[in-house]
């Protein structure tokens, strides 16, 4: 028996008072730290890093891109 379910999409809108900052953590020297604790130079270095995925077939690092062309997920290395 085939049944179809209709789902209604609900858009959630938050006011500025309801929003909260998202804290980004990254792995540095073997442990995790929040980016908010970085100095300006370390924050700049973090934003210059590139994502990569190790290719099992040929052993070369391959950049990871999303459908929109941006980089997303995977290990990060300094450029």
N, C-alpha and C. Protein backbone atom coordinates (compact mmCIF):
# COMPACT_ATOMS: atom_id res chain seq x y z
N UNK A 1 0.84 -1.16 0.00
CA UNK A 1 0.00 0.00 0.00
C UNK A 1 0.90 1.24 0.00
N UNK A 2 0.65 2.14 -0.93
CA UNK A 2 1.40 3.39 -1.00
C UNK A 2 0.61 4.49 -0.30
N UNK A 3 1.28 5.15 0.59
CA UNK A 3 0.66 6.31 1.22
C UNK A 3 1.57 7.51 1.03
N UNK A 4 0.98 8.63 0.84
CA UNK A 4 1.78 9.85 0.70
C UNK A 4 1.50 10.74 1.89
N UNK A 5 2.55 11.36 2.36
CA UNK A 5 2.43 12.27 3.50
C UNK A 5 2.76 13.67 3.01
N UNK A 6 1.91 14.59 3.31
CA UNK A 6 2.18 15.98 2.94
C UNK A 6 2.74 16.67 4.17
N UNK A 7 3.91 17.26 3.99
CA UNK A 7 4.56 17.97 5.09
C UNK A 7 4.48 19.46 4.82
N UNK A 8 4.07 20.17 5.82
CA UNK A 8 4.02 21.63 5.69
C UNK A 8 5.31 22.20 6.26
N UNK A 9 5.98 23.00 5.45
CA UNK A 9 7.22 23.63 5.89
C UNK A 9 6.88 24.86 6.72
N UNK A 10 7.51 24.95 7.86
CA UNK A 10 7.29 26.09 8.74
C UNK A 10 8.56 26.93 8.77
N UNK A 11 8.43 28.20 8.55
CA UNK A 11 9.57 29.10 8.63
C UNK A 11 9.62 29.69 10.03
N UNK A 12 10.76 29.54 10.66
CA UNK A 12 10.95 30.08 12.00
C UNK A 12 11.74 31.37 11.87
N UNK A 13 11.22 32.43 12.43
CA UNK A 13 11.88 33.72 12.39
C UNK A 13 12.19 34.14 13.82
N UNK A 14 13.45 34.47 14.07
CA UNK A 14 13.87 34.91 15.40
C UNK A 14 14.14 36.41 15.38
N UNK A 15 13.78 37.05 16.45
CA UNK A 15 14.14 38.46 16.58
C UNK A 15 15.58 38.55 17.05
N UNK A 16 16.18 39.71 16.96
CA UNK A 16 17.57 39.87 17.38
C UNK A 16 17.75 39.54 18.86
N UNK A 17 16.74 39.79 19.67
CA UNK A 17 16.83 39.49 21.11
C UNK A 17 16.86 37.99 21.37
N UNK A 18 16.30 37.18 20.47
CA UNK A 18 16.24 35.74 20.65
C UNK A 18 17.49 35.03 20.12
N UNK A 19 18.27 35.71 19.32
CA UNK A 19 19.46 35.10 18.73
C UNK A 19 20.59 35.03 19.75
N UNK A 20 21.50 34.07 19.53
CA UNK A 20 22.68 33.96 20.38
C UNK A 20 23.87 33.62 19.49
N UNK A 21 25.06 34.01 19.91
CA UNK A 21 26.23 33.75 19.08
C UNK A 21 26.56 32.25 19.04
N UNK A 22 27.10 31.82 17.93
CA UNK A 22 27.54 30.44 17.76
C UNK A 22 29.04 30.41 18.01
N UNK A 23 29.47 29.60 18.95
CA UNK A 23 30.89 29.53 19.26
C UNK A 23 31.55 28.45 18.41
N UNK A 24 32.63 28.80 17.73
CA UNK A 24 33.35 27.88 16.87
C UNK A 24 34.59 27.38 17.61
N UNK A 25 34.75 26.07 17.65
CA UNK A 25 35.91 25.45 18.27
C UNK A 25 36.75 24.81 17.18
N UNK A 26 38.04 24.76 17.39
CA UNK A 26 38.93 24.11 16.43
C UNK A 26 40.01 23.36 17.20
N UNK A 27 40.60 22.39 16.55
CA UNK A 27 41.66 21.59 17.17
C UNK A 27 42.99 22.28 16.93
N UNK A 28 43.69 22.56 18.01
CA UNK A 28 44.99 23.23 17.93
C UNK A 28 45.99 22.43 18.78
N UNK A 29 47.06 22.00 18.15
CA UNK A 29 48.15 21.32 18.87
C UNK A 29 47.63 20.15 19.71
N UNK A 30 46.68 19.39 19.19
CA UNK A 30 46.22 18.18 19.87
C UNK A 30 45.06 18.37 20.83
N UNK A 31 44.56 19.57 21.02
CA UNK A 31 43.41 19.77 21.89
C UNK A 31 42.49 20.81 21.27
N UNK A 32 41.26 20.87 21.73
CA UNK A 32 40.26 21.78 21.16
C UNK A 32 40.20 23.08 21.95
N UNK A 33 40.08 24.20 21.21
CA UNK A 33 39.98 25.53 21.83
C UNK A 33 38.94 26.35 21.08
N UNK A 34 38.24 27.24 21.79
CA UNK A 34 37.29 28.12 21.09
C UNK A 34 38.05 29.22 20.34
N UNK A 35 37.56 29.57 19.15
CA UNK A 35 38.20 30.63 18.38
C UNK A 35 38.14 31.97 19.09
N UNK A 36 37.17 32.13 19.97
CA UNK A 36 37.04 33.41 20.69
C UNK A 36 38.27 33.70 21.55
N UNK A 37 39.05 32.65 21.87
CA UNK A 37 40.25 32.86 22.69
C UNK A 37 41.49 33.16 21.84
N UNK A 38 41.35 33.12 20.50
CA UNK A 38 42.48 33.38 19.62
C UNK A 38 42.79 34.87 19.54
N UNK A 39 44.08 35.21 19.33
CA UNK A 39 44.43 36.60 19.05
C UNK A 39 44.15 36.88 17.58
N UNK A 40 44.27 38.13 17.14
CA UNK A 40 43.90 38.51 15.78
C UNK A 40 44.71 37.76 14.72
N UNK A 41 45.98 37.50 14.98
CA UNK A 41 46.81 36.76 14.03
C UNK A 41 46.37 35.32 13.87
N UNK A 42 46.05 34.66 14.97
CA UNK A 42 45.61 33.26 14.93
C UNK A 42 44.24 33.15 14.25
N UNK A 43 43.35 34.14 14.47
CA UNK A 43 42.04 34.13 13.80
C UNK A 43 42.22 34.26 12.29
N UNK A 44 43.13 35.13 11.86
CA UNK A 44 43.41 35.28 10.43
C UNK A 44 43.96 34.00 9.83
N UNK A 45 44.85 33.35 10.57
CA UNK A 45 45.43 32.08 10.10
C UNK A 45 44.34 31.02 9.96
N UNK A 46 43.41 30.98 10.91
CA UNK A 46 42.32 30.01 10.86
C UNK A 46 41.49 30.19 9.59
N UNK A 47 41.18 31.43 9.24
CA UNK A 47 40.35 31.71 8.06
C UNK A 47 41.09 31.44 6.75
N UNK A 48 42.42 31.37 6.77
CA UNK A 48 43.19 31.07 5.56
C UNK A 48 43.37 29.58 5.34
N UNK A 49 43.04 28.76 6.32
CA UNK A 49 43.20 27.31 6.19
C UNK A 49 42.26 26.77 5.13
N UNK A 50 42.64 25.64 4.54
CA UNK A 50 41.83 25.00 3.49
C UNK A 50 41.46 23.60 3.94
N UNK A 51 40.27 23.17 3.54
CA UNK A 51 39.82 21.81 3.81
C UNK A 51 40.43 20.86 2.80
N UNK A 52 40.65 19.64 3.20
CA UNK A 52 41.15 18.64 2.27
C UNK A 52 40.65 17.26 2.68
N UNK A 53 40.69 16.34 1.73
CA UNK A 53 40.34 14.95 2.00
C UNK A 53 41.45 14.10 1.40
N UNK A 54 41.97 13.19 2.19
CA UNK A 54 43.01 12.31 1.68
C UNK A 54 42.38 11.30 0.72
N UNK A 55 42.96 11.19 -0.43
CA UNK A 55 42.46 10.25 -1.41
C UNK A 55 43.17 8.92 -1.22
N UNK A 56 42.42 7.87 -1.00
CA UNK A 56 43.00 6.55 -0.79
C UNK A 56 43.59 6.03 -2.10
N UNK A 57 42.96 6.39 -3.23
CA UNK A 57 43.38 5.86 -4.53
C UNK A 57 44.76 6.33 -4.94
N UNK A 58 45.04 7.62 -4.84
CA UNK A 58 46.33 8.10 -5.33
C UNK A 58 47.18 8.77 -4.26
N UNK A 59 46.70 8.85 -3.04
CA UNK A 59 47.49 9.40 -1.95
C UNK A 59 47.65 10.91 -1.98
N UNK A 60 46.92 11.62 -2.85
CA UNK A 60 47.03 13.08 -2.92
C UNK A 60 45.88 13.73 -2.17
N UNK A 61 46.15 14.84 -1.54
CA UNK A 61 45.11 15.58 -0.83
C UNK A 61 44.22 16.29 -1.85
N UNK A 62 42.91 16.15 -1.70
CA UNK A 62 41.95 16.78 -2.62
C UNK A 62 41.13 17.81 -1.86
N UNK A 63 40.96 19.03 -2.40
CA UNK A 63 40.11 20.02 -1.75
C UNK A 63 38.67 19.54 -1.74
N UNK A 64 37.92 19.92 -0.72
CA UNK A 64 36.52 19.56 -0.61
C UNK A 64 35.69 20.80 -0.91
N UNK A 65 34.76 20.68 -1.84
CA UNK A 65 33.89 21.82 -2.16
C UNK A 65 32.45 21.40 -2.03
N UNK A 66 31.58 22.36 -1.71
CA UNK A 66 30.15 22.11 -1.61
C UNK A 66 29.50 22.38 -2.95
N UNK A 67 28.20 22.18 -3.02
CA UNK A 67 27.47 22.43 -4.26
C UNK A 67 27.53 23.89 -4.65
N UNK A 68 27.67 24.77 -3.68
CA UNK A 68 27.72 26.20 -3.98
C UNK A 68 29.14 26.65 -4.30
N UNK A 69 30.08 25.73 -4.28
CA UNK A 69 31.46 26.07 -4.62
C UNK A 69 32.31 26.42 -3.42
N UNK A 70 31.71 26.56 -2.24
CA UNK A 70 32.48 26.87 -1.04
C UNK A 70 33.15 25.63 -0.49
N UNK A 71 34.04 25.81 0.43
CA UNK A 71 34.72 24.66 1.02
C UNK A 71 33.95 24.25 2.27
N UNK A 72 33.87 22.93 2.50
CA UNK A 72 33.07 22.46 3.61
C UNK A 72 33.58 21.11 4.11
N UNK A 73 33.60 20.93 5.38
CA UNK A 73 33.90 19.70 6.09
C UNK A 73 35.24 19.07 5.72
N UNK A 74 35.77 18.31 6.64
CA UNK A 74 37.04 17.64 6.41
C UNK A 74 38.12 18.26 7.27
N UNK A 75 39.30 17.70 7.20
CA UNK A 75 40.41 18.22 7.97
C UNK A 75 40.85 19.55 7.38
N UNK A 76 41.46 20.37 8.19
CA UNK A 76 41.92 21.66 7.71
C UNK A 76 43.43 21.69 7.76
N UNK A 77 44.03 22.29 6.77
CA UNK A 77 45.47 22.47 6.77
C UNK A 77 45.78 23.92 6.47
N UNK A 78 46.92 24.38 6.91
CA UNK A 78 47.32 25.75 6.61
C UNK A 78 47.65 25.84 5.12
N UNK A 79 47.31 26.98 4.52
CA UNK A 79 47.54 27.16 3.08
C UNK A 79 49.02 27.29 2.80
